[in-house]
Every structure is written in structure tokens, then in C-alpha cells.
Amino acid sequence: MSHFKPDIRQRAEELVSLYPRARSAMLPLLHLAQEQDGYLSEEGIEEVALLTGTTTADVRGTAAFYDMYHLEPVGAYVVGVCTNVACLLAGGEELLEHAAKTLGCAVGTTSADGLFTLEETECLADCDIAPCVSVNHRFVRTTTPEAFDTMIGEVRAGMRSHDIPVHGNLIRVRRSVGLRAPREEVIEQRARSSAARAQRAEEAK
């Protein structure tokens, strides 16, 4: 039985069909697993390994390389405060300390209510609005303690749900238009392409 919910499983199978090799779909599949569980659970990792024809060690090792994947449970909102050079000079460390007090959790931990996980981040590429703060990979541009507290209050009250989804959701609106092809057609084209490559390799001998 699949660990993925039916809609997630369907999207996963559609993703795999887009790639000549199932392994190439690993990263987007990891995002799907994290969207469902909020982090990469053991069951989610096993599901991705099965779908890509790899091992759980391969999947876990890949996920560990990227900051956007979490191998342990995190809060519904992952708050990142940059302390790289530009942000450091603009008060990034002080804002990070303030964030810890406001959220009630130390850096690298989750608040008691499970809502917030606080992270110290490297450059978030919004250096002209320093110190840079992100929530679930969305820029919130709260550069002062007062602005930060206001933003957190809005998140708690559900007032920012239109632009800050809960952790794991990369996009709010699923694309229903654009380039699409029946799965059977994609499989047929992949098979023809593989046969052509095999024939060229044989002729080159």
C-alpha cells in the first residue's frame, strides 16, 4: 500500500513519467513527500525510493544535501533569519535573538505549540532589504523587531495564509494549462527514443 495519499500518488506517477529515467524525478518527488507529511518521514523516503528505483540511502543522502528538505519534523512555519555579511551589518544577529524570544524557541528548534521552527540562514538573496527574513521560503521583509512581531501575529491569526502556505507546500495553485501529454504517449516516445539510441550504438560498433 502506498504511503502517499491518492492525489499525491497520482501527481508522483505523473512526475516520474516526465523523465527518461525515474531516478531523475527524485527531487520533485521529495517535495511531494514533504508536502504531505510536513517533512521527509521514513515512509515518505521509502516511497520515493520505490518510485525512483533507488535505495533509501540514496534518497536520504540526496535530501540531506539541500536546505529545503527536512529529515525531522518542523513547525508549520519555518522562519529563517539571515546573518550573512550584508544582513549581519544591518542587525541580523540582533533580529535573530529577538525572533527566538518572540517565537519562544532557540535557533534550530520548534516552538512548544508546533507552529514555528527558527533557523539561522545563509544568504537569502534579498540583500537590499536587510536583514532578510523568510517564512516557508517566502520573503516577508520584516527588518525591525516591531515589524517581525507584527508579521508573526498575523501568521498566528491566519491573516497571511494568502501568501505564506504551511511548510512543505511550494505552490498554492496547481497548473491546469500549458504543455501536457497523455502518459501513454510519453511512454511510447521514450521507448522509441531508447530503441533509436540502441540502434545507433549497434551501428557504431
N, C-alpha and C. Protein backbone atom coordinates (compact mmCIF):
# COMPACT_ATOMS: atom_id res chain seq x y z
N MET A 1 0.85 -1.19 0.00
CA MET A 1 0.00 0.00 0.00
C MET A 1 0.88 1.25 0.00
N SER A 2 0.50 2.22 -0.81
CA SER A 2 1.29 3.44 -0.92
C SER A 2 1.16 4.30 0.33
N HIS A 3 2.27 4.90 0.73
CA HIS A 3 2.25 5.86 1.83
C HIS A 3 1.61 7.17 1.40
N PHE A 4 1.70 7.47 0.11
CA PHE A 4 1.14 8.71 -0.40
C PHE A 4 -0.38 8.64 -0.45
N LYS A 5 -1.01 9.76 -0.19
CA LYS A 5 -2.45 9.87 -0.38
C LYS A 5 -2.73 9.76 -1.88
N PRO A 6 -3.96 9.36 -2.25
CA PRO A 6 -4.25 9.12 -3.67
C PRO A 6 -3.87 10.27 -4.59
N ASP A 7 -4.17 11.52 -4.21
CA ASP A 7 -3.86 12.64 -5.10
C ASP A 7 -2.35 12.86 -5.20
N ILE A 8 -1.63 12.68 -4.10
CA ILE A 8 -0.18 12.83 -4.12
C ILE A 8 0.44 11.71 -4.94
N ARG A 9 -0.08 10.50 -4.79
CA ARG A 9 0.44 9.36 -5.56
C ARG A 9 0.23 9.58 -7.05
N GLN A 10 -0.93 10.11 -7.43
CA GLN A 10 -1.18 10.38 -8.85
C GLN A 10 -0.19 11.41 -9.39
N ARG A 11 0.02 12.48 -8.63
CA ARG A 11 0.97 13.50 -9.05
C ARG A 11 2.38 12.93 -9.13
N ALA A 12 2.72 12.03 -8.21
CA ALA A 12 4.04 11.40 -8.21
C ALA A 12 4.24 10.57 -9.47
N GLU A 13 3.25 9.79 -9.84
CA GLU A 13 3.37 8.96 -11.03
C GLU A 13 3.46 9.81 -12.29
N GLU A 14 2.73 10.93 -12.31
CA GLU A 14 2.82 11.83 -13.45
C GLU A 14 4.21 12.44 -13.56
N LEU A 15 4.80 12.76 -12.42
CA LEU A 15 6.16 13.31 -12.42
C LEU A 15 7.16 12.30 -12.97
N VAL A 16 7.08 11.07 -12.49
CA VAL A 16 8.02 10.04 -12.93
C VAL A 16 7.94 9.84 -14.45
N SER A 17 6.73 9.92 -14.98
CA SER A 17 6.55 9.69 -16.42
C SER A 17 7.18 10.77 -17.28
N LEU A 18 7.53 11.91 -16.69
CA LEU A 18 8.11 13.01 -17.46
C LEU A 18 9.59 12.81 -17.74
N TYR A 19 10.23 11.89 -17.02
CA TYR A 19 11.68 11.74 -17.11
C TYR A 19 12.06 10.43 -17.80
N PRO A 20 13.13 10.46 -18.61
CA PRO A 20 13.59 9.23 -19.25
C PRO A 20 13.99 8.18 -18.22
N ARG A 21 14.55 8.63 -17.09
CA ARG A 21 14.94 7.72 -16.01
C ARG A 21 14.21 8.15 -14.74
N ALA A 22 13.60 7.20 -14.08
CA ALA A 22 12.80 7.52 -12.90
C ALA A 22 13.62 8.22 -11.83
N ARG A 23 14.89 7.89 -11.73
CA ARG A 23 15.76 8.49 -10.72
C ARG A 23 15.80 10.02 -10.84
N SER A 24 15.66 10.51 -12.06
CA SER A 24 15.74 11.95 -12.29
C SER A 24 14.59 12.71 -11.65
N ALA A 25 13.53 12.00 -11.27
CA ALA A 25 12.37 12.65 -10.64
C ALA A 25 12.51 12.76 -9.13
N MET A 26 13.67 12.40 -8.57
CA MET A 26 13.80 12.31 -7.12
C MET A 26 13.51 13.62 -6.40
N LEU A 27 14.08 14.72 -6.88
CA LEU A 27 13.90 15.99 -6.17
C LEU A 27 12.45 16.45 -6.13
N PRO A 28 11.73 16.49 -7.25
CA PRO A 28 10.32 16.87 -7.16
C PRO A 28 9.49 15.89 -6.35
N LEU A 29 9.86 14.62 -6.37
CA LEU A 29 9.13 13.63 -5.55
C LEU A 29 9.36 13.90 -4.07
N LEU A 30 10.56 14.32 -3.71
CA LEU A 30 10.84 14.66 -2.31
C LEU A 30 9.99 15.84 -1.87
N HIS A 31 9.78 16.79 -2.76
CA HIS A 31 8.91 17.91 -2.42
C HIS A 31 7.47 17.44 -2.18
N LEU A 32 7.03 16.48 -2.98
CA LEU A 32 5.68 15.94 -2.78
C LEU A 32 5.58 15.23 -1.43
N ALA A 33 6.60 14.45 -1.09
CA ALA A 33 6.60 13.74 0.19
C ALA A 33 6.56 14.73 1.35
N GLN A 34 7.31 15.81 1.21
CA GLN A 34 7.35 16.81 2.27
C GLN A 34 6.04 17.60 2.33
N GLU A 35 5.41 17.80 1.19
CA GLU A 35 4.12 18.48 1.16
C GLU A 35 3.08 17.68 1.94
N GLN A 36 3.11 16.37 1.80
CA GLN A 36 2.12 15.55 2.51
C GLN A 36 2.40 15.48 4.01
N ASP A 37 3.65 15.21 4.39
CA ASP A 37 3.97 14.93 5.79
C ASP A 37 4.52 16.13 6.57
N GLY A 38 4.88 17.21 5.85
CA GLY A 38 5.47 18.35 6.52
C GLY A 38 6.97 18.24 6.67
N TYR A 39 7.50 17.06 6.49
CA TYR A 39 8.93 16.79 6.50
C TYR A 39 9.13 15.46 5.79
N LEU A 40 10.37 15.02 5.65
CA LEU A 40 10.62 13.75 4.96
C LEU A 40 10.63 12.61 5.97
N SER A 41 9.49 11.98 6.12
CA SER A 41 9.38 10.86 7.04
C SER A 41 10.05 9.63 6.44
N GLU A 42 10.30 8.63 7.27
CA GLU A 42 10.89 7.39 6.78
C GLU A 42 10.00 6.75 5.72
N GLU A 43 8.69 6.81 5.95
CA GLU A 43 7.76 6.22 4.99
C GLU A 43 7.80 6.98 3.66
N GLY A 44 7.92 8.31 3.75
CA GLY A 44 8.00 9.11 2.53
C GLY A 44 9.27 8.83 1.76
N ILE A 45 10.37 8.68 2.48
CA ILE A 45 11.65 8.36 1.84
C ILE A 45 11.57 6.99 1.16
N GLU A 46 10.97 6.02 1.82
CA GLU A 46 10.82 4.69 1.23
C GLU A 46 9.97 4.74 -0.03
N GLU A 47 8.93 5.56 -0.01
CA GLU A 47 8.05 5.68 -1.18
C GLU A 47 8.83 6.27 -2.37
N VAL A 48 9.61 7.31 -2.11
CA VAL A 48 10.39 7.93 -3.18
C VAL A 48 11.42 6.94 -3.72
N ALA A 49 12.03 6.15 -2.83
CA ALA A 49 13.00 5.14 -3.28
C ALA A 49 12.34 4.12 -4.21
N LEU A 50 11.14 3.69 -3.87
CA LEU A 50 10.42 2.73 -4.71
C LEU A 50 10.08 3.34 -6.06
N LEU A 51 9.62 4.57 -6.06
CA LEU A 51 9.21 5.22 -7.30
C LEU A 51 10.40 5.48 -8.22
N THR A 52 11.57 5.70 -7.65
CA THR A 52 12.75 6.03 -8.47
C THR A 52 13.67 4.84 -8.71
N GLY A 53 13.34 3.69 -8.14
CA GLY A 53 14.18 2.52 -8.32
C GLY A 53 15.54 2.66 -7.67
N THR A 54 15.58 3.39 -6.53
CA THR A 54 16.83 3.59 -5.81
C THR A 54 16.69 3.02 -4.41
N THR A 55 17.63 3.34 -3.55
CA THR A 55 17.57 2.88 -2.16
C THR A 55 17.23 4.04 -1.24
N THR A 56 16.80 3.70 -0.03
CA THR A 56 16.51 4.76 0.94
C THR A 56 17.76 5.55 1.28
N ALA A 57 18.92 4.90 1.24
CA ALA A 57 20.18 5.60 1.50
C ALA A 57 20.44 6.64 0.42
N ASP A 58 20.16 6.30 -0.84
CA ASP A 58 20.31 7.26 -1.94
C ASP A 58 19.41 8.46 -1.72
N VAL A 59 18.16 8.20 -1.38
CA VAL A 59 17.18 9.27 -1.22
C VAL A 59 17.54 10.15 -0.03
N ARG A 60 17.88 9.53 1.09
CA ARG A 60 18.21 10.30 2.30
C ARG A 60 19.48 11.12 2.07
N GLY A 61 20.46 10.55 1.41
CA GLY A 61 21.69 11.26 1.13
C GLY A 61 21.46 12.46 0.22
N THR A 62 20.60 12.30 -0.76
CA THR A 62 20.26 13.42 -1.65
C THR A 62 19.54 14.52 -0.88
N ALA A 63 18.56 14.14 -0.08
CA ALA A 63 17.77 15.12 0.67
C ALA A 63 18.64 15.90 1.65
N ALA A 64 19.62 15.22 2.24
CA ALA A 64 20.47 15.86 3.25
C ALA A 64 21.33 16.97 2.66
N PHE A 65 21.49 16.97 1.34
CA PHE A 65 22.34 17.97 0.69
C PHE A 65 21.64 19.32 0.57
N TYR A 66 20.31 19.32 0.60
CA TYR A 66 19.54 20.53 0.31
C TYR A 66 18.85 21.08 1.55
N ASP A 67 18.92 22.41 1.73
CA ASP A 67 18.33 23.04 2.90
C ASP A 67 16.80 23.01 2.91
N MET A 68 16.18 22.93 1.75
CA MET A 68 14.72 23.00 1.71
C MET A 68 14.06 21.70 2.17
N TYR A 69 14.83 20.63 2.28
CA TYR A 69 14.27 19.37 2.77
C TYR A 69 14.59 19.20 4.25
N HIS A 70 13.63 18.70 4.99
CA HIS A 70 13.83 18.47 6.43
C HIS A 70 13.65 16.99 6.74
N LEU A 71 14.64 16.40 7.38
CA LEU A 71 14.60 14.98 7.72
C LEU A 71 13.98 14.74 9.09
N GLU A 72 13.66 15.80 9.81
CA GLU A 72 12.98 15.69 11.09
C GLU A 72 11.78 16.64 11.08
N PRO A 73 10.78 16.37 11.91
CA PRO A 73 9.59 17.24 11.93
C PRO A 73 9.95 18.70 12.22
N VAL A 74 9.26 19.60 11.55
CA VAL A 74 9.44 21.04 11.77
C VAL A 74 8.07 21.65 11.98
N GLY A 75 8.05 22.92 12.37
CA GLY A 75 6.80 23.61 12.58
C GLY A 75 6.06 23.86 11.28
N ALA A 76 4.82 24.30 11.41
CA ALA A 76 4.04 24.63 10.23
C ALA A 76 4.67 25.80 9.48
N TYR A 77 5.43 26.62 10.20
CA TYR A 77 6.09 27.77 9.58
C TYR A 77 7.57 27.76 9.97
N VAL A 78 8.42 27.66 8.95
CA VAL A 78 9.87 27.67 9.18
C VAL A 78 10.36 29.10 8.94
N VAL A 79 10.81 29.73 10.00
CA VAL A 79 11.25 31.12 9.94
C VAL A 79 12.77 31.15 9.80
N GLY A 80 13.25 31.81 8.77
CA GLY A 80 14.69 31.92 8.55
C GLY A 80 15.13 33.36 8.66
N VAL A 81 16.17 33.60 9.44
CA VAL A 81 16.74 34.94 9.57
C VAL A 81 18.18 34.87 9.07
N CYS A 82 18.52 35.70 8.09
CA CYS A 82 19.85 35.69 7.51
C CYS A 82 20.84 36.45 8.39
N THR A 83 22.02 35.86 8.58
CA THR A 83 23.08 36.54 9.32
C THR A 83 24.36 36.61 8.49
N ASN A 84 24.19 36.51 7.14
CA ASN A 84 25.35 36.67 6.27
C ASN A 84 25.78 38.14 6.25
N VAL A 85 26.85 38.45 5.54
CA VAL A 85 27.54 39.73 5.71
C VAL A 85 26.61 40.95 5.69
N ALA A 86 25.85 41.11 4.59
CA ALA A 86 25.01 42.30 4.48
C ALA A 86 23.99 42.37 5.61
N CYS A 87 23.37 41.24 5.92
CA CYS A 87 22.37 41.21 6.98
C CYS A 87 23.01 41.33 8.36
N LEU A 88 24.19 40.76 8.51
CA LEU A 88 24.91 40.88 9.78
C LEU A 88 25.17 42.34 10.11
N LEU A 89 25.63 43.10 9.14
CA LEU A 89 25.92 44.51 9.34
C LEU A 89 24.65 45.32 9.60
N ALA A 90 23.51 44.81 9.11
CA ALA A 90 22.24 45.53 9.28
C ALA A 90 21.47 45.08 10.52
N GLY A 91 22.10 44.22 11.36
CA GLY A 91 21.44 43.81 12.59
C GLY A 91 20.82 42.43 12.55
N GLY A 92 21.34 41.56 11.67
CA GLY A 92 20.77 40.22 11.55
C GLY A 92 20.85 39.40 12.82
N GLU A 93 21.99 39.45 13.50
CA GLU A 93 22.13 38.66 14.74
C GLU A 93 21.17 39.15 15.81
N GLU A 94 21.02 40.46 15.92
CA GLU A 94 20.09 41.01 16.91
C GLU A 94 18.65 40.62 16.59
N LEU A 95 18.30 40.64 15.30
CA LEU A 95 16.94 40.25 14.92
C LEU A 95 16.71 38.76 15.16
N LEU A 96 17.75 37.95 14.95
CA LEU A 96 17.64 36.52 15.21
C LEU A 96 17.40 36.27 16.70
N GLU A 97 18.11 36.98 17.55
CA GLU A 97 17.90 36.85 19.00
C GLU A 97 16.49 37.28 19.38
N HIS A 98 16.03 38.36 18.78
CA HIS A 98 14.67 38.82 19.06
C HIS A 98 13.64 37.79 18.59
N ALA A 99 13.88 37.19 17.42
CA ALA A 99 12.95 36.18 16.88
C ALA A 99 12.84 35.00 17.84
N ALA A 100 13.97 34.59 18.41
CA ALA A 100 13.95 33.47 19.36
C ALA A 100 13.07 33.79 20.56
N LYS A 101 13.13 35.03 21.04
CA LYS A 101 12.29 35.42 22.18
C LYS A 101 10.82 35.48 21.80
N THR A 102 10.54 36.05 20.64
CA THR A 102 9.15 36.17 20.18
C THR A 102 8.51 34.81 19.95
N LEU A 103 9.26 33.90 19.33
CA LEU A 103 8.72 32.58 18.99
C LEU A 103 8.79 31.61 20.16
N GLY A 104 9.62 31.93 21.14
CA GLY A 104 9.75 31.05 22.31
C GLY A 104 10.52 29.79 22.03
N CYS A 105 11.48 29.86 21.11
CA CYS A 105 12.30 28.69 20.80
C CYS A 105 13.68 29.12 20.36
N ALA A 106 14.67 28.32 20.67
CA ALA A 106 16.04 28.63 20.27
C ALA A 106 16.23 28.32 18.79
N VAL A 107 17.29 28.86 18.23
CA VAL A 107 17.63 28.59 16.83
C VAL A 107 17.80 27.09 16.63
N GLY A 108 17.17 26.57 15.59
CA GLY A 108 17.27 25.14 15.29
C GLY A 108 16.23 24.30 16.00
N THR A 109 15.30 24.93 16.72
CA THR A 109 14.27 24.18 17.43
C THR A 109 12.88 24.69 17.03
N THR A 110 11.87 24.01 17.56
CA THR A 110 10.48 24.34 17.23
C THR A 110 9.75 24.80 18.49
N SER A 111 8.88 25.76 18.31
CA SER A 111 8.12 26.30 19.44
C SER A 111 7.22 25.22 20.04
N ALA A 112 6.86 25.41 21.31
CA ALA A 112 6.08 24.40 22.03
C ALA A 112 4.74 24.13 21.38
N ASP A 113 4.16 25.13 20.72
CA ASP A 113 2.86 24.92 20.07
C ASP A 113 2.99 24.27 18.70
N GLY A 114 4.22 24.01 18.26
CA GLY A 114 4.44 23.34 16.99
C GLY A 114 4.26 24.22 15.77
N LEU A 115 4.04 25.51 15.97
CA LEU A 115 3.79 26.39 14.84
C LEU A 115 5.06 26.84 14.13
N PHE A 116 6.11 27.15 14.89
CA PHE A 116 7.28 27.79 14.31
C PHE A 116 8.57 27.01 14.57
N THR A 117 9.39 26.92 13.52
CA THR A 117 10.76 26.45 13.65
C THR A 117 11.65 27.61 13.23
N LEU A 118 12.67 27.90 14.04
CA LEU A 118 13.55 29.04 13.77
C LEU A 118 14.88 28.55 13.24
N GLU A 119 15.32 29.16 12.13
CA GLU A 119 16.60 28.80 11.52
C GLU A 119 17.46 30.04 11.28
N GLU A 120 18.76 29.89 11.48
CA GLU A 120 19.72 30.90 11.05
C GLU A 120 20.17 30.50 9.65
N THR A 121 20.00 31.39 8.69
CA THR A 121 20.24 31.03 7.30
C THR A 121 21.45 31.74 6.73
N GLU A 122 21.96 31.16 5.65
CA GLU A 122 22.93 31.86 4.82
C GLU A 122 22.16 32.80 3.90
N CYS A 123 22.83 33.41 2.96
CA CYS A 123 22.22 34.45 2.13
C CYS A 123 20.91 33.99 1.51
N LEU A 124 19.87 34.83 1.66
CA LEU A 124 18.56 34.55 1.08
C LEU A 124 18.32 35.35 -0.19
N ALA A 125 19.36 36.08 -0.64
CA ALA A 125 19.32 36.80 -1.93
C ALA A 125 18.30 37.92 -1.96
N ASP A 126 18.11 38.59 -0.83
CA ASP A 126 17.27 39.78 -0.80
C ASP A 126 18.03 40.87 -0.03
N CYS A 127 19.30 41.04 -0.40
CA CYS A 127 20.24 41.83 0.39
C CYS A 127 19.88 43.30 0.47
N ASP A 128 19.08 43.81 -0.48
CA ASP A 128 18.73 45.23 -0.43
C ASP A 128 17.67 45.51 0.63
N ILE A 129 17.07 44.44 1.19
CA ILE A 129 16.10 44.60 2.28
C ILE A 129 16.66 43.84 3.47
N ALA A 130 17.74 44.33 4.03
CA ALA A 130 18.43 43.62 5.12
C ALA A 130 18.03 44.19 6.48
N PRO A 131 18.02 43.31 7.52
CA PRO A 131 18.29 41.87 7.46
C PRO A 131 17.11 41.11 6.88
N CYS A 132 17.42 40.12 6.06
CA CYS A 132 16.40 39.39 5.32
C CYS A 132 15.76 38.30 6.18
N VAL A 133 14.45 38.21 6.12
CA VAL A 133 13.69 37.19 6.85
C VAL A 133 12.78 36.46 5.86
N SER A 134 12.70 35.16 5.98
CA SER A 134 11.78 34.38 5.16
C SER A 134 10.93 33.49 6.05
N VAL A 135 9.73 33.20 5.58
CA VAL A 135 8.86 32.24 6.25
C VAL A 135 8.40 31.25 5.19
N ASN A 136 8.76 30.00 5.37
CA ASN A 136 8.45 28.96 4.39
C ASN A 136 8.89 29.37 2.98
N HIS A 137 10.11 29.95 2.92
CA HIS A 137 10.76 30.33 1.67
C HIS A 137 10.05 31.48 0.96
N ARG A 138 9.25 32.24 1.70
CA ARG A 138 8.66 33.47 1.17
C ARG A 138 9.32 34.66 1.86
N PHE A 139 9.71 35.67 1.08
CA PHE A 139 10.25 36.88 1.67
C PHE A 139 9.14 37.62 2.41
N VAL A 140 9.37 38.00 3.64
CA VAL A 140 8.38 38.76 4.40
C VAL A 140 8.85 40.18 4.67
N ARG A 141 10.14 40.44 4.50
CA ARG A 141 10.70 41.78 4.55
C ARG A 141 10.34 42.52 5.84
N THR A 142 10.61 41.87 6.94
CA THR A 142 10.41 42.47 8.26
C THR A 142 11.80 42.73 8.84
N THR A 143 12.30 43.94 8.70
CA THR A 143 13.68 44.24 9.04
C THR A 143 13.87 44.78 10.45
N THR A 144 12.77 44.99 11.17
CA THR A 144 12.87 45.50 12.54
C THR A 144 12.15 44.55 13.48
N PRO A 145 12.50 44.57 14.78
CA PRO A 145 11.79 43.72 15.75
C PRO A 145 10.29 43.98 15.76
N GLU A 146 9.90 45.24 15.63
CA GLU A 146 8.48 45.57 15.64
C GLU A 146 7.75 44.99 14.44
N ALA A 147 8.37 45.12 13.26
CA ALA A 147 7.76 44.57 12.05
C ALA A 147 7.71 43.04 12.12
N PHE A 148 8.74 42.45 12.70
CA PHE A 148 8.77 40.99 12.85
C PHE A 148 7.62 40.53 13.74
N ASP A 149 7.43 41.19 14.85
CA ASP A 149 6.36 40.79 15.78
C ASP A 149 4.98 40.95 15.14
N THR A 150 4.81 42.00 14.37
CA THR A 150 3.54 42.21 13.67
C THR A 150 3.28 41.08 12.69
N MET A 151 4.32 40.71 11.93
CA MET A 151 4.18 39.63 10.95
C MET A 151 3.83 38.32 11.63
N ILE A 152 4.52 38.00 12.72
CA ILE A 152 4.24 36.75 13.43
C ILE A 152 2.81 36.75 13.97
N GLY A 153 2.36 37.88 14.48
CA GLY A 153 0.99 37.97 14.96
C GLY A 153 -0.02 37.71 13.84
N GLU A 154 0.27 38.21 12.65
CA GLU A 154 -0.61 37.98 11.50
C GLU A 154 -0.62 36.52 11.10
N VAL A 155 0.55 35.89 11.14
CA VAL A 155 0.63 34.46 10.81
C VAL A 155 -0.18 33.65 11.81
N ARG A 156 -0.01 33.94 13.09
CA ARG A 156 -0.76 33.22 14.13
C ARG A 156 -2.26 33.37 13.94
N ALA A 157 -2.69 34.54 13.49
CA ALA A 157 -4.11 34.82 13.33
C ALA A 157 -4.67 34.33 12.00
N GLY A 158 -3.80 33.75 11.18
CA GLY A 158 -4.25 33.24 9.88
C GLY A 158 -4.42 34.32 8.83
N MET A 159 -3.85 35.49 9.07
CA MET A 159 -4.03 36.61 8.16
C MET A 159 -3.05 36.59 6.99
N ARG A 160 -2.05 35.69 7.01
CA ARG A 160 -1.07 35.64 5.93
C ARG A 160 -1.17 34.36 5.10
N SER A 161 -2.28 33.65 5.26
CA SER A 161 -2.42 32.38 4.55
C SER A 161 -2.48 32.55 3.04
N HIS A 162 -2.77 33.76 2.58
CA HIS A 162 -2.85 34.00 1.15
C HIS A 162 -1.48 34.04 0.49
N ASP A 163 -0.44 34.36 1.28
CA ASP A 163 0.90 34.43 0.68
C ASP A 163 1.94 33.57 1.39
N ILE A 164 1.60 32.98 2.53
CA ILE A 164 2.53 32.08 3.22
C ILE A 164 1.82 30.76 3.50
N PRO A 165 2.00 29.75 2.65
CA PRO A 165 1.38 28.45 2.91
C PRO A 165 2.11 27.73 4.03
N VAL A 166 1.50 26.71 4.60
CA VAL A 166 2.18 25.93 5.63
C VAL A 166 3.36 25.21 5.01
N HIS A 167 4.31 24.81 5.85
CA HIS A 167 5.56 24.25 5.35
C HIS A 167 5.33 23.01 4.49
N GLY A 168 6.11 22.95 3.41
CA GLY A 168 6.04 21.80 2.50
C GLY A 168 5.34 22.15 1.21
N ASN A 169 4.42 23.11 1.24
CA ASN A 169 3.70 23.49 0.03
C ASN A 169 4.49 24.53 -0.74
N LEU A 170 5.01 24.13 -1.89
CA LEU A 170 5.80 25.06 -2.69
C LEU A 170 4.93 26.03 -3.45
N ILE A 171 3.78 25.58 -3.93
CA ILE A 171 2.91 26.44 -4.72
C ILE A 171 1.48 26.31 -4.23
N ARG A 172 0.71 27.37 -4.41
CA ARG A 172 -0.68 27.36 -3.96
C ARG A 172 -1.64 26.89 -5.05
N VAL A 173 -1.35 27.24 -6.30
CA VAL A 173 -2.27 26.96 -7.40
C VAL A 173 -1.64 25.92 -8.33
N ARG A 174 -2.34 24.83 -8.54
CA ARG A 174 -1.85 23.80 -9.44
C ARG A 174 -2.09 24.21 -10.88
N ARG A 175 -1.06 24.07 -11.71
CA ARG A 175 -1.20 24.44 -13.11
C ARG A 175 -2.11 23.46 -13.82
N SER A 176 -3.10 24.00 -14.53
CA SER A 176 -4.03 23.15 -15.27
C SER A 176 -3.95 23.40 -16.76
N VAL A 177 -3.04 24.28 -17.18
CA VAL A 177 -2.86 24.57 -18.60
C VAL A 177 -1.39 24.45 -18.93
N GLY A 178 -1.09 24.58 -20.19
CA GLY A 178 0.31 24.50 -20.61
C GLY A 178 0.58 23.19 -21.32
N LEU A 179 1.85 22.86 -21.47
CA LEU A 179 2.25 21.67 -22.20
C LEU A 179 1.92 20.42 -21.39
N ARG A 180 1.04 19.60 -21.92
CA ARG A 180 0.67 18.36 -21.28
C ARG A 180 0.58 17.27 -22.35
N ALA A 181 0.83 16.04 -21.95
CA ALA A 181 0.75 14.93 -22.90
C ALA A 181 0.23 13.70 -22.16
N PRO A 182 -0.58 12.89 -22.83
CA PRO A 182 -1.06 11.65 -22.19
C PRO A 182 0.12 10.79 -21.77
N ARG A 183 0.01 10.13 -20.64
CA ARG A 183 1.11 9.32 -20.13
C ARG A 183 1.51 8.24 -21.12
N GLU A 184 0.53 7.64 -21.77
CA GLU A 184 0.82 6.58 -22.73
C GLU A 184 1.67 7.11 -23.89
N GLU A 185 1.39 8.33 -24.31
CA GLU A 185 2.15 8.92 -25.40
C GLU A 185 3.59 9.19 -24.96
N VAL A 186 3.76 9.66 -23.73
CA VAL A 186 5.10 9.90 -23.22
C VAL A 186 5.89 8.60 -23.16
N ILE A 187 5.26 7.53 -22.66
CA ILE A 187 5.93 6.23 -22.55
C ILE A 187 6.34 5.72 -23.94
N GLU A 188 5.44 5.89 -24.91
CA GLU A 188 5.72 5.43 -26.27
C GLU A 188 6.91 6.20 -26.86
N GLN A 189 6.94 7.51 -26.66
CA GLN A 189 8.04 8.31 -27.18
C GLN A 189 9.36 7.94 -26.52
N ARG A 190 9.31 7.68 -25.20
CA ARG A 190 10.54 7.26 -24.51
C ARG A 190 11.05 5.94 -25.07
N ALA A 191 10.13 5.02 -25.34
CA ALA A 191 10.52 3.71 -25.87
C ALA A 191 11.15 3.85 -27.25
N ARG A 192 10.57 4.70 -28.10
CA ARG A 192 11.13 4.91 -29.44
C ARG A 192 12.51 5.54 -29.35
N SER A 193 12.65 6.48 -28.43
CA SER A 193 13.95 7.14 -28.26
C SER A 193 15.01 6.15 -27.79
N SER A 194 14.65 5.28 -26.86
CA SER A 194 15.59 4.27 -26.37
C SER A 194 15.98 3.30 -27.47
N ALA A 195 15.01 2.90 -28.28
CA ALA A 195 15.29 1.98 -29.38
C ALA A 195 16.22 2.62 -30.40
N ALA A 196 16.01 3.91 -30.67
CA ALA A 196 16.86 4.61 -31.63
C ALA A 196 18.29 4.72 -31.11
N ARG A 197 18.44 4.99 -29.81
CA ARG A 197 19.78 5.07 -29.23
C ARG A 197 20.49 3.72 -29.30
N ALA A 198 19.74 2.65 -29.04
CA ALA A 198 20.32 1.32 -29.08
C ALA A 198 20.76 0.96 -30.50
N GLN A 199 19.95 1.38 -31.48
CA GLN A 199 20.29 1.08 -32.86
C GLN A 199 21.55 1.83 -33.29
N ARG A 200 21.65 3.11 -32.89
CA ARG A 200 22.85 3.89 -33.24
C ARG A 200 24.09 3.31 -32.58
N ALA A 201 23.93 2.86 -31.36
CA ALA A 201 25.08 2.25 -30.68
C ALA A 201 25.51 0.98 -31.38
N GLU A 202 24.55 0.22 -31.87
CA GLU A 202 24.87 -1.04 -32.58
C GLU A 202 25.57 -0.73 -33.89
N GLU A 203 25.10 0.30 -34.58
CA GLU A 203 25.68 0.64 -35.88
C GLU A 203 27.09 1.20 -35.74
N ALA A 204 27.36 1.79 -34.57
CA ALA A 204 28.67 2.40 -34.35
C ALA A 204 29.75 1.36 -34.02
N LYS A 205 29.35 0.12 -33.75
CA LYS A 205 30.33 -0.92 -33.42
C LYS A 205 31.16 -1.31 -34.63
